[in-house]
Every structure is written in C-alpha cells, then in structure tokens.
C-alpha cells in the first residue's frame, strides 16, 4: 500500500461512519449489498471513527489476495 497526501473533505461532503451501518443478515445477498451501498453512500470513501478511509486501485498494482498474503506472512 502507498500513502498519499491527505486532502480535506469539502464541507458539503458528509461521510458515513461504517460503524453506524447495519444490514440484516436475513436479507438475500443482493438486497444486503444494495442496503449496504444505500447506507454507506460511497463504499470507496467513508469514516471509521475519527479516520477517513479511501479505497483506490492501481491498474498495475498487486492483487488484494497478494496484499493479504503479505500481511499474514
């Protein structure tokens, strides 16, 4: 993973705290996904407590599987 410079969020952007997202396990898979997206609004940019989480992907970067393997080695 690579660290990038942190930018301030525009005042009009209110990020959802993922800890406040709650999806019923009783729903079918597709409905759980839809409900998660509805609540989180942007799955690539959200909050977790006092931290802002931004997900991005490089076309020529390592796969998620390779990254996880690197963490658990």
Protein backbone atom coordinates (compact mmCIF):
# COMPACT_ATOMS: atom_id res chain seq x y z
CA UNK A 1 0.00 0.00 0.00
CA UNK A 2 1.11 3.51 -0.67
CA UNK A 3 0.46 6.57 1.49
CA UNK A 4 -0.81 9.67 -0.27
CA UNK A 5 -1.28 13.23 0.88
CA UNK A 6 -4.48 13.69 2.88
CA UNK A 7 -6.99 16.17 1.44
CA UNK A 8 -9.69 17.90 3.40
CA UNK A 9 -13.24 16.86 2.52
CA UNK A 10 -15.45 19.61 1.08
CA UNK A 11 -17.89 21.00 3.63
CA UNK A 12 -20.78 19.64 1.56
CA UNK A 13 -19.43 16.07 1.84
CA UNK A 14 -20.64 14.25 4.92
CA UNK A 15 -19.00 10.86 5.21
CA UNK A 16 -20.89 7.98 6.77
CA UNK A 17 -19.27 6.18 9.71
CA UNK A 18 -19.20 2.50 8.78
CA UNK A 19 -19.82 1.63 12.44
CA UNK A 20 -23.32 3.09 12.01
CA UNK A 21 -24.15 0.86 9.04
CA UNK A 22 -26.37 -2.09 9.91
CA UNK A 23 -27.60 -4.64 7.39
CA UNK A 24 -29.89 -7.54 8.25
CA UNK A 25 -28.32 -10.95 7.69
CA UNK A 26 -31.82 -12.21 6.93
CA UNK A 27 -31.92 -10.36 3.59
CA UNK A 28 -30.91 -12.11 0.37
CA UNK A 29 -27.33 -11.38 -0.77
CA UNK A 30 -28.30 -8.85 -3.45
CA UNK A 31 -30.52 -6.93 -1.03
CA UNK A 32 -27.77 -6.88 1.63
CA UNK A 33 -25.38 -5.39 -0.92
CA UNK A 34 -27.95 -2.80 -2.01
CA UNK A 35 -28.74 -1.89 1.59
CA UNK A 36 -25.05 -1.51 2.45
CA UNK A 37 -24.50 0.78 -0.55
CA UNK A 38 -27.63 2.79 0.29
CA UNK A 39 -26.41 3.38 3.85
CA UNK A 40 -22.67 3.92 3.24
CA UNK A 41 -23.35 6.11 0.16
CA UNK A 42 -19.76 5.83 -1.14
CA UNK A 43 -18.03 2.50 -0.42
CA UNK A 44 -14.73 3.99 -1.60
CA UNK A 45 -14.76 6.87 0.88
CA UNK A 46 -16.22 6.65 4.38
CA UNK A 47 -15.32 7.14 8.04
CA UNK A 48 -14.43 4.65 10.73
CA UNK A 49 -14.41 6.63 13.95
CA UNK A 50 -12.02 9.53 13.58
CA UNK A 51 -10.35 8.01 10.49
CA UNK A 52 -11.29 8.63 6.87
CA UNK A 53 -10.99 5.53 4.69
CA UNK A 54 -10.36 5.97 0.97
CA UNK A 55 -10.02 2.92 -1.27
CA UNK A 56 -8.36 3.14 -4.66
CA UNK A 57 -6.87 0.65 -7.04
CA UNK A 58 -3.93 0.82 -9.44
CA UNK A 59 -4.29 -0.89 -12.80
CA UNK A 60 -0.83 -2.43 -12.46
CA UNK A 61 -0.85 -2.89 -8.68
CA UNK A 62 -0.78 -6.02 -6.55
CA UNK A 63 -3.98 -8.01 -6.20
CA UNK A 64 -5.95 -7.93 -2.96
CA UNK A 65 -5.01 -11.58 -2.43
CA UNK A 66 -1.28 -10.75 -2.74
CA UNK A 67 -1.65 -7.86 -0.27
CA UNK A 68 -3.39 -10.06 2.29
CA UNK A 69 -0.75 -12.77 1.87
CA UNK A 70 1.92 -10.13 2.52
CA UNK A 71 0.21 -9.05 5.74
CA UNK A 72 -0.09 -12.54 7.20
CA UNK A 73 3.46 -13.68 6.40
